[in-house]
Amino acid sequence: MTGTPSTRGPEATGTASTGGLHRIVIVGGGAGGLELATRLGDTLGRRGKAEVTLIERARTHFWKPHLHEIAAGSMDIDVYETDYIAQSHWHSFRYLIGEMTGLDRRARKVHVAPFVDEDGDQVTDARTIGYDTLVVAVGSRTNDFGTPGASRHAIALDDPPAAQRFHRRLVNAYLRAHAQAGALRPEQLQVAIIGAGATGVELAAELHNTTRTLVSYGLDRIDPDRDIRLILIEAADRILPALPERLSTAANHLLDGMRVAVRTGARVAEVLPDGVRLASGESIPAELVVWAAGVKAPDFLQDLEGLETNRINQLVVRATLQTTRDDDIFAIGDCAAAPWLGRDGVVVPPRAQAAHQQASHMVGQIRNRLRGRELRPWRYRDFGSLVSLGEYSTVGNLMGSLAGGNLWLEGTFARIMYLSLYKMHELALHGFWKMALDTAARMITRRTEPHVKLH
């Protein structure tokens, strides 16, 4: 399977497929991919101006920044997930279940693997899907950097099944400790979180709250202050190393108040069945280990028909979000290494706000392609960073014209701004009225359910 790099320039536009509608194929139904499919379906698919297809291996969509809440048990995934089949019906795009495995650039076809369900039964055959415009939005995975034992003994919060598996193991660990006759082992009820970026810090804070709530439901043989220990391990010299230092300092102070043990400057050499071994030789006992350090794009992008990738498998794109070697292929979200215009040599960080902005920009790009117009460069607008520490606080900074510069946020207002990020995602997928009614329904049902998921 070989392909020929495109010879057109970076502003090449593209034309409709011979004898039919322009075929737009989006691979990956994460935050960026599903928002793009929804908006293109509403504007082009519904009006018969293009054929929009979303290829995604999962049946339902869940907003990835909330995975730590599924893991901690403070959010019920059944309430917050979006069914791809229903979404495609409501918004006039096609949904094909399956995982992209390859690409034929010369024939402009995407290869999709057979879909096999959880019982091992094959649901669909292998397929090839033709395209005129291809948008790769397959997101990212946790990068364990080849650390021995990480893939076997640590859980990476890459998707809802992994988050649910961690939560089941957490609940089982507490039930086991409550029922056993003997004393706790050194590693029992200890959770080691490797990586103190936003995911690791937010998970530590969420677990501090939910584990105490879980114990209050009759597990009175467990003393939260004596028996439960959360250890946050970071190789850099401070937590939240990619964010402003003031934010890191504030979050560290809040974690200290929760008695979360923070270990900075600590590189993990090996993940063991009952803990973590550091490069210094020190061992940290832990019954559960979460790997939340580093990200990379899926491995299959490494050699995708000659497309240019970087060291973490991201597809390298130009300012137009077109891949550097094929003008008919775009990439958005965490799997794209997009230039941060105005900052020489810097790529846009993998954040939900970037995926949202790129999806919005791609709607205009595809319209321009259909009309034969020049494509526009995408400029990332950094609106700041917010980190939620559960019920205790939210800290962050708000940037851009809205804030008039760089505004420090903490407390209730910061929490509202943090929640608004998800509401913007819901608004893009469902519109105002469904978003508003779903929010009201969740507020009502929340009062009649346990605050921590117990299964």
Protein backbone atom coordinates (compact mmCIF):
# COMPACT_ATOMS: atom_id res chain seq x y z
CA MET A 1 0.00 0.00 0.00
CA THR A 2 1.74 3.16 -1.19
CA GLY A 3 0.73 6.77 -1.59
CA THR A 4 1.90 9.80 -3.49
CA PRO A 5 2.42 13.05 -1.56
CA SER A 6 0.25 15.90 -2.75
CA THR A 7 1.95 18.49 -4.94
CA ARG A 8 -0.55 21.25 -4.26
CA GLY A 9 0.35 24.21 -2.10
CA PRO A 10 -0.71 24.84 1.52
CA GLU A 11 -3.83 26.76 0.44
CA ALA A 12 -5.10 24.06 -1.93
CA THR A 13 -8.86 23.72 -1.80
CA GLY A 14 -10.16 20.43 -3.20
CA THR A 15 -13.24 19.58 -5.23
CA ALA A 16 -16.31 17.41 -4.96
CA SER A 17 -15.93 13.70 -5.71
CA THR A 18 -16.71 12.55 -9.22
CA GLY A 19 -20.39 11.80 -9.71
CA GLY A 20 -21.60 12.54 -6.18
CA LEU A 21 -21.46 14.62 -3.01
CA HIS A 22 -18.19 15.69 -1.47
CA ARG A 23 -17.23 12.93 0.99
CA ILE A 24 -16.05 14.20 4.37
CA VAL A 25 -14.70 11.47 6.65
CA ILE A 26 -13.84 12.22 10.29
CA VAL A 27 -11.90 9.58 12.21
CA GLY A 28 -12.34 9.81 15.97
CA GLY A 29 -15.39 10.89 17.94
CA GLY A 30 -13.75 12.72 20.82
CA ALA A 31 -14.38 16.35 21.77
CA GLY A 32 -13.11 17.77 18.49
CA GLY A 33 -14.25 15.02 16.13
CA LEU A 34 -17.81 14.76 17.39
CA GLU A 35 -18.29 18.53 17.53
CA LEU A 36 -17.07 18.77 13.93
CA ALA A 37 -19.27 15.92 12.70
CA THR A 38 -22.29 17.45 14.44
CA ARG A 39 -21.79 20.92 12.99
CA LEU A 40 -21.01 19.67 9.48
CA GLY A 41 -24.03 17.36 9.60
CA ASP A 42 -26.25 20.26 10.62
CA THR A 43 -24.92 22.66 7.98
CA LEU A 44 -23.88 20.45 5.04
CA GLY A 45 -25.31 16.96 5.54
CA ARG A 46 -28.86 18.10 6.28
CA ARG A 47 -28.88 20.36 3.21
CA GLY A 48 -27.50 17.72 0.87
CA LYS A 49 -24.29 19.63 0.21
CA ALA A 50 -21.89 16.93 1.46
CA GLU A 51 -21.80 13.41 2.86
CA VAL A 52 -20.41 13.45 6.42
CA THR A 53 -19.16 10.21 8.00
CA LEU A 54 -17.77 9.68 11.50
CA ILE A 55 -15.64 6.57 12.15
CA GLU A 56 -15.34 5.72 15.85
CA ARG A 57 -14.59 2.45 17.67
CA ALA A 58 -16.76 3.19 20.73
CA ARG A 59 -20.56 3.23 20.92
CA THR A 60 -20.83 6.27 23.16
CA HIS A 61 -18.97 9.54 23.67
CA PHE A 62 -17.78 10.89 27.01
CA TRP A 63 -15.87 14.15 27.58
CA LYS A 64 -12.33 13.06 28.42
CA PRO A 65 -11.49 15.81 30.98
CA HIS A 66 -14.14 14.25 33.26
CA LEU A 67 -12.62 10.75 33.30
CA HIS A 68 -11.03 11.33 36.72
CA GLU A 69 -14.54 11.81 38.15
CA ILE A 70 -15.65 8.45 36.73
CA ALA A 71 -12.55 6.86 38.28
CA ALA A 72 -13.26 8.44 41.66
CA GLY A 73 -16.95 7.53 41.50
CA SER A 74 -18.27 11.07 41.77
CA MET A 75 -19.91 11.01 38.33
CA ASP A 76 -22.26 8.46 36.74
CA ILE A 77 -21.18 7.88 33.16
CA ASP A 78 -24.68 6.75 32.12
CA VAL A 79 -25.96 10.27 32.78
CA TYR A 80 -23.27 12.11 30.83
CA GLU A 81 -22.45 9.96 27.79
CA THR A 82 -23.75 10.61 24.26
CA ASP A 83 -24.86 7.77 22.00
CA TYR A 84 -23.20 8.04 18.60
CA ILE A 85 -26.06 6.38 16.71
CA ALA A 86 -28.63 8.79 18.14
CA GLN A 87 -26.35 11.79 17.64
CA SER A 88 -25.78 10.88 13.99
CA HIS A 89 -29.53 10.49 13.41
CA TRP A 90 -30.36 13.83 15.00
CA HIS A 91 -27.59 15.72 13.21
CA SER A 92 -27.53 14.22 9.73
CA PHE A 93 -24.18 12.44 9.60
CA ARG A 94 -23.28 8.76 9.25
CA TYR A 95 -21.72 6.85 12.13
CA LEU A 96 -19.57 3.80 11.35
CA ILE A 97 -18.33 1.73 14.27
CA GLY A 98 -14.77 0.50 13.95
CA GLU A 99 -11.11 1.46 14.32
CA MET A 100 -8.96 2.99 11.61
CA THR A 101 -5.97 0.76 10.82
CA GLY A 102 -4.52 2.24 7.66
CA LEU A 103 -4.81 4.61 4.75
CA ASP A 104 -4.47 4.54 0.96
CA ARG A 105 -3.70 8.13 -0.01
CA ARG A 106 -3.55 7.43 -3.76
CA ALA A 107 -7.06 5.93 -3.81
CA ARG A 108 -8.22 8.23 -0.95
CA LYS A 109 -9.57 5.41 1.20
CA VAL A 110 -9.53 4.73 4.94
CA HIS A 111 -9.10 1.13 6.10
CA VAL A 112 -11.31 0.16 9.06
CA ALA A 113 -10.80 -3.02 11.08
CA PRO A 114 -13.62 -5.47 11.83
CA PHE A 115 -15.53 -4.55 14.96
CA VAL A 116 -15.53 -7.27 17.62
CA ASP A 117 -17.76 -6.89 20.68
CA GLU A 118 -16.96 -7.57 24.33
CA ASP A 119 -18.02 -11.23 23.93
CA GLY A 120 -15.55 -11.79 21.09
CA ASP A 121 -18.23 -11.87 18.38
CA GLN A 122 -17.51 -10.07 15.13
CA VAL A 123 -20.15 -7.44 14.45
CA THR A 124 -18.84 -5.86 11.25
CA ASP A 125 -16.38 -6.91 8.54
CA ALA A 126 -13.25 -4.99 7.57
CA ARG A 127 -14.16 -2.06 5.35
CA THR A 128 -12.63 0.67 3.21
CA ILE A 129 -14.26 4.12 3.25
CA GLY A 130 -13.63 6.59 0.44
CA TYR A 131 -13.08 10.28 1.15
CA ASP A 132 -12.49 13.62 -0.55
CA THR A 133 -11.62 15.36 2.71
CA LEU A 134 -10.25 13.37 5.64
CA VAL A 135 -10.03 14.77 9.19
CA VAL A 136 -8.03 12.71 11.69
CA ALA A 137 -9.19 13.41 15.26
CA VAL A 138 -8.17 10.25 17.11
CA GLY A 139 -7.01 12.02 20.27
CA SER A 140 -4.19 10.83 22.50
CA ARG A 141 -3.25 8.02 24.84
CA THR A 142 -1.22 7.99 28.04
CA ASN A 143 2.51 7.72 27.42
CA ASP A 144 4.24 5.39 29.89
CA PHE A 145 7.61 5.92 28.14
CA GLY A 146 8.22 2.17 28.15
CA THR A 147 8.52 2.06 31.96
CA PRO A 148 8.76 -1.60 33.10
CA GLY A 149 5.52 -2.88 34.61
CA ALA A 150 3.50 0.23 33.73
CA SER A 151 1.27 -1.35 31.11
CA ARG A 152 0.66 -4.42 33.29
CA HIS A 153 0.25 -3.03 36.80
CA ALA A 154 -0.89 0.59 36.35
CA ILE A 155 -4.22 1.83 35.05
CA ALA A 156 -4.14 4.65 32.50
CA LEU A 157 -7.28 6.79 32.38
CA ASP A 158 -7.51 6.84 28.59
CA ASP A 159 -11.18 5.99 28.18
CA PRO A 160 -14.37 5.29 30.20
CA PRO A 161 -13.79 1.50 30.47
CA ALA A 162 -10.40 2.12 32.09
CA ALA A 163 -11.85 4.69 34.49
CA GLN A 164 -14.69 2.32 35.41
CA ARG A 165 -12.21 -0.52 35.95
CA PHE A 166 -10.21 1.62 38.36
CA HIS A 167 -13.36 2.55 40.27
CA ARG A 168 -14.45 -1.10 40.58
CA ARG A 169 -11.03 -2.03 41.92
CA LEU A 170 -11.17 0.91 44.34
CA VAL A 171 -14.56 -0.11 45.77
CA ASN A 172 -13.46 -3.76 45.98
CA ALA A 173 -10.32 -2.72 47.87
CA TYR A 174 -12.40 -0.93 50.49
CA LEU A 175 -14.88 -3.78 50.83
CA ARG A 176 -12.00 -6.24 51.20
CA ALA A 177 -10.28 -4.14 53.86
CA HIS A 178 -13.52 -3.71 55.79
CA ALA A 179 -14.28 -7.45 55.79
CA GLN A 180 -10.83 -8.90 56.54
CA ALA A 181 -10.00 -10.06 60.05
CA GLY A 182 -6.30 -9.20 60.09
CA ALA A 183 -4.44 -5.92 59.97
CA LEU A 184 -3.98 -4.00 56.73
CA ARG A 185 -0.95 -4.79 54.62
CA PRO A 186 1.51 -1.90 54.00
CA GLU A 187 0.16 -1.23 50.50
CA GLN A 188 -3.53 -1.64 51.30
CA LEU A 189 -5.80 1.36 50.67
CA GLN A 190 -2.88 3.30 49.25
CA VAL A 191 -3.17 4.85 45.78
CA ALA A 192 -0.12 6.03 43.86
CA ILE A 193 -0.81 8.53 41.07
CA ILE A 194 2.11 8.88 38.68
CA GLY A 195 2.10 12.29 37.02
CA ALA A 196 1.05 15.55 38.69
CA GLY A 197 -0.37 17.28 35.65
CA ALA A 198 -3.99 18.42 35.63
CA THR A 199 -5.36 14.84 35.48
CA GLY A 200 -3.23 13.58 38.36
CA VAL A 201 -3.92 16.57 40.61
CA GLU A 202 -7.66 16.56 39.93
CA LEU A 203 -7.84 12.79 40.53
CA ALA A 204 -6.02 13.09 43.86
CA ALA A 205 -8.42 15.79 45.08
CA GLU A 206 -11.49 13.90 43.86
CA LEU A 207 -10.33 10.67 45.50
CA HIS A 208 -9.74 12.44 48.80
CA ASN A 209 -13.41 13.39 48.91
CA THR A 210 -15.01 10.24 47.47
CA THR A 211 -13.00 7.77 49.57
CA ARG A 212 -14.20 9.45 52.73
CA THR A 213 -17.77 9.46 51.49
CA LEU A 214 -17.44 5.77 50.60
CA VAL A 215 -16.21 4.92 54.11
CA SER A 216 -19.16 6.82 55.61
CA TYR A 217 -21.56 4.31 54.00
CA GLY A 218 -21.07 1.79 56.81
CA LEU A 219 -17.40 0.85 56.29
CA ASP A 220 -16.68 1.93 59.85
CA ARG A 221 -13.72 -0.42 60.34
CA ILE A 222 -11.67 1.88 58.09
CA ASP A 223 -10.28 5.12 59.51
CA PRO A 224 -9.84 7.55 56.57
CA ASP A 225 -7.15 9.63 58.28
CA ARG A 226 -5.17 6.62 59.46
CA ASP A 227 -5.68 3.99 56.76
CA ILE A 228 -6.14 5.87 53.48
CA ARG A 229 -3.13 7.39 51.75
CA LEU A 230 -2.89 9.13 48.38
CA ILE A 231 0.58 9.64 46.90
CA LEU A 232 1.12 11.99 43.95
CA ILE A 233 4.42 11.36 42.15
CA GLU A 234 5.94 13.86 39.70
CA ALA A 235 9.31 13.75 37.93
CA ALA A 236 9.48 17.55 37.55
CA ASP A 237 10.43 19.86 40.40
CA ARG A 238 6.81 21.00 40.95
CA ILE A 239 3.28 19.80 40.32
CA LEU A 240 1.42 21.11 37.26
CA PRO A 241 4.78 21.77 35.55
CA ALA A 242 3.19 22.87 32.25
CA LEU A 243 1.04 25.54 33.92
CA PRO A 244 1.93 28.86 35.57
CA GLU A 245 3.93 28.55 38.79
CA ARG A 246 1.36 30.49 40.81
CA LEU A 247 -1.27 27.92 39.88
CA SER A 248 1.10 25.14 40.91
CA THR A 249 1.77 26.78 44.29
CA ALA A 250 -1.94 27.26 45.01
CA ALA A 251 -2.80 23.67 44.08
CA ASN A 252 0.07 22.35 46.19
CA HIS A 253 -1.21 24.27 49.21
CA LEU A 254 -4.71 22.82 48.76
CA LEU A 255 -3.35 19.28 48.41
CA ASP A 256 -1.35 19.72 51.61
CA GLY A 257 -4.60 20.57 53.38
CA MET A 258 -6.09 17.31 52.13
CA ARG A 259 -3.06 15.36 53.38
CA VAL A 260 -2.18 14.17 49.88
CA ALA A 261 1.48 13.14 49.88
CA VAL A 262 3.22 14.99 47.03
CA ARG A 263 6.57 13.70 45.77
CA THR A 264 8.26 15.96 43.21
CA GLY A 265 11.60 15.33 41.52
CA ALA A 266 10.75 11.62 41.71
CA ARG A 267 11.18 9.59 38.52
CA VAL A 268 9.46 6.20 38.38
CA ALA A 269 11.77 3.36 37.34
CA GLU A 270 9.29 0.46 37.60
CA VAL A 271 5.68 -0.25 38.49
CA LEU A 272 5.37 -3.30 40.72
CA PRO A 273 2.32 -5.48 41.56
CA ASP A 274 2.18 -3.85 45.00
CA GLY A 275 3.64 -0.41 44.43
CA VAL A 276 6.16 1.77 42.64
CA ARG A 277 9.96 1.76 42.57
CA LEU A 278 11.65 5.11 42.02
CA ALA A 279 14.90 5.72 40.16
CA SER A 280 16.49 6.51 43.54
CA GLY A 281 15.82 2.91 44.60
CA GLU A 282 13.05 3.83 47.04
CA SER A 283 9.88 1.74 46.92
CA ILE A 284 6.45 3.23 47.54
CA PRO A 285 3.80 0.64 48.49
CA ALA A 286 0.40 1.01 46.81
CA GLU A 287 -2.55 -1.27 46.18
CA LEU A 288 -3.65 0.77 43.15
CA VAL A 289 -1.44 2.66 40.69
CA VAL A 290 -2.70 5.20 38.16
CA TRP A 291 -0.43 6.35 35.33
CA ALA A 292 -1.25 9.95 34.40
CA ALA A 293 2.16 11.16 33.17
CA GLY A 294 2.59 12.22 29.57
CA VAL A 295 0.55 11.75 26.41
CA LYS A 296 1.15 10.49 22.90
CA ALA A 297 -0.97 10.01 19.80
CA PRO A 298 -1.98 6.43 18.87
CA ASP A 299 0.85 4.24 17.59
CA PHE A 300 -0.78 3.51 14.21
CA LEU A 301 -0.10 7.12 13.17
CA GLN A 302 3.67 6.46 13.24
CA ASP A 303 3.75 5.10 9.70
CA LEU A 304 0.51 6.24 8.11
CA GLU A 305 1.21 6.24 4.39
CA GLY A 306 4.20 8.55 4.67
CA LEU A 307 2.47 11.35 6.60
CA GLU A 308 4.86 13.36 8.77
CA THR A 309 4.73 12.68 12.52
CA ASN A 310 6.70 13.89 15.54
CA ARG A 311 8.29 11.92 18.39
CA ILE A 312 4.95 11.39 20.17
CA ASN A 313 3.18 10.17 17.00
CA GLN A 314 1.27 13.41 16.36
CA LEU A 315 0.55 14.27 12.72
CA VAL A 316 2.44 17.43 11.82
CA VAL A 317 0.09 20.01 10.30
CA ARG A 318 0.46 23.45 8.79
CA ALA A 319 -1.36 26.54 10.00
CA THR A 320 -4.35 25.54 7.84
CA LEU A 321 -4.52 22.25 9.83
CA GLN A 322 -3.66 20.33 6.64
CA THR A 323 -1.01 17.64 7.06
CA THR A 324 2.35 18.68 5.64
CA ARG A 325 2.38 15.99 2.93
CA ASP A 326 -1.25 15.74 1.85
CA ASP A 327 -3.60 18.67 1.33
CA ASP A 328 -6.71 16.47 1.47
CA ILE A 329 -5.94 15.25 4.99
CA PHE A 330 -6.38 17.42 8.09
CA ALA A 331 -5.69 16.65 11.75
CA ILE A 332 -7.19 18.26 14.86
CA GLY A 333 -7.11 17.72 18.60
CA ASP A 334 -4.47 15.91 20.62
CA CYS A 335 -3.25 13.87 17.63
CA ALA A 336 -2.20 17.02 15.73
CA ALA A 337 1.06 18.94 16.13
CA ALA A 338 -0.28 22.35 15.14
CA PRO A 339 1.99 25.43 15.06
CA TRP A 340 1.29 28.09 17.67
CA LEU A 341 1.39 31.12 15.40
CA GLY A 342 3.46 33.92 16.88
CA ARG A 343 5.65 31.50 18.86
CA ASP A 344 8.41 30.16 16.63
CA GLY A 345 8.85 26.40 16.90
CA VAL A 346 6.13 25.96 19.54
CA VAL A 347 3.18 23.64 18.96
CA VAL A 348 -0.23 24.05 20.54
CA PRO A 349 -0.56 21.98 23.77
CA PRO A 350 -3.05 19.07 23.84
CA ARG A 351 -5.98 20.73 25.61
CA ALA A 352 -9.74 20.49 25.27
CA GLN A 353 -9.98 24.19 24.44
CA ALA A 354 -7.63 23.68 21.47
CA ALA A 355 -9.72 20.80 20.09
CA HIS A 356 -12.88 22.89 20.45
CA GLN A 357 -11.31 25.84 18.61
CA GLN A 358 -9.94 23.61 15.84
CA ALA A 359 -13.31 21.94 15.29
CA SER A 360 -14.95 25.34 14.94
CA HIS A 361 -12.26 26.49 12.51
CA MET A 362 -12.55 23.30 10.42
CA VAL A 363 -16.21 24.03 9.67
CA GLY A 364 -15.11 27.15 7.81
CA GLN A 365 -12.17 25.37 6.19
CA ILE A 366 -14.38 22.70 4.67
CA ARG A 367 -16.89 25.27 3.46
CA ASN A 368 -14.03 27.09 1.74
CA ARG A 369 -12.87 23.85 0.10
CA LEU A 370 -16.34 23.21 -1.27
CA ARG A 371 -16.53 26.76 -2.64
CA GLY A 372 -13.01 26.68 -4.09
CA ARG A 373 -11.79 29.44 -1.78
CA GLU A 374 -8.43 29.87 -0.08
CA LEU A 375 -8.04 28.22 3.32
CA ARG A 376 -7.38 30.35 6.39
CA PRO A 377 -4.66 29.79 9.01
CA TRP A 378 -5.82 28.76 12.47
CA ARG A 379 -4.68 30.83 15.43
CA TYR A 380 -4.82 29.35 18.89
CA ARG A 381 -6.36 31.58 21.55
CA ASP A 382 -5.17 30.61 25.01
CA PHE A 383 -8.00 31.33 27.45
CA GLY A 384 -5.95 30.15 30.41
CA SER A 385 -5.96 27.05 32.58
CA LEU A 386 -8.27 25.86 35.33
CA VAL A 387 -7.69 22.97 37.73
CA SER A 388 -10.54 21.63 39.86
CA LEU A 389 -9.78 20.20 43.28
CA GLY A 390 -13.25 18.80 43.78
CA GLU A 391 -15.40 20.36 46.47
CA TYR A 392 -12.44 22.13 48.03
CA SER A 393 -11.59 24.74 45.43
CA THR A 394 -10.81 25.49 41.80
CA VAL A 395 -7.77 27.53 40.83
CA GLY A 396 -6.55 28.92 37.54
CA ASN A 397 -6.00 31.90 35.32
CA LEU A 398 -8.19 33.45 32.65
CA MET A 399 -6.43 35.03 29.67
CA GLY A 400 -7.34 36.93 26.52
CA SER A 401 -9.55 39.89 25.69
CA LEU A 402 -12.35 38.61 27.94
CA ALA A 403 -10.14 39.03 31.00
CA GLY A 404 -8.23 42.04 29.73
CA GLY A 405 -4.90 40.25 30.18
CA ASN A 406 -4.15 37.56 32.76
CA LEU A 407 -6.73 37.29 35.55
CA TRP A 408 -6.11 35.01 38.54
CA LEU A 409 -9.15 32.95 39.58
CA GLU A 410 -9.86 30.95 42.70
CA GLY A 411 -12.89 29.66 44.56
CA THR A 412 -16.52 29.77 43.45
CA PHE A 413 -16.08 31.90 40.35
CA ALA A 414 -13.23 29.70 39.14
CA ARG A 415 -15.44 26.64 39.71
CA ILE A 416 -18.20 28.19 37.59
CA MET A 417 -15.73 28.93 34.80
CA TYR A 418 -14.42 25.35 35.01
CA LEU A 419 -17.93 23.90 34.68
CA SER A 420 -18.66 26.25 31.78
CA LEU A 421 -15.99 24.51 29.68
CA TYR A 422 -18.07 21.34 29.65
CA LYS A 423 -21.27 23.30 29.06
CA MET A 424 -19.70 24.79 25.93
CA HIS A 425 -19.03 21.25 24.72
CA GLU A 426 -22.61 20.19 25.44
CA LEU A 427 -23.88 23.31 23.70
CA ALA A 428 -21.88 22.46 20.57
CA LEU A 429 -23.29 18.91 20.53
CA HIS A 430 -26.90 19.40 21.60
CA GLY A 431 -27.91 23.04 21.35
CA PHE A 432 -29.10 25.34 24.12
CA TRP A 433 -32.41 23.79 25.15
CA LYS A 434 -31.21 20.20 25.46
CA MET A 435 -28.12 21.36 27.33
CA ALA A 436 -30.22 23.45 29.73
CA LEU A 437 -32.84 20.73 30.35
CA ASP A 438 -30.19 18.02 30.86
CA THR A 439 -28.42 20.26 33.38
CA ALA A 440 -31.63 20.86 35.32
CA ALA A 441 -32.49 17.13 35.31
CA ARG A 442 -29.05 16.21 36.67
CA MET A 443 -29.37 18.77 39.47
CA ILE A 444 -32.69 17.25 40.52
CA THR A 445 -31.64 13.57 40.38
CA ARG A 446 -28.36 14.36 42.17
CA ARG A 447 -30.36 15.05 45.34
CA THR A 448 -31.86 11.54 45.40
CA GLU A 449 -28.75 9.47 44.60
CA PRO A 450 -25.57 8.57 46.53
CA HIS A 451 -22.84 11.17 46.01
CA VAL A 452 -20.41 8.36 45.21
CA LYS A 453 -21.12 5.57 42.74
CA LEU A 454 -21.03 2.30 44.70
CA HIS A 455 -20.66 -0.24 41.88
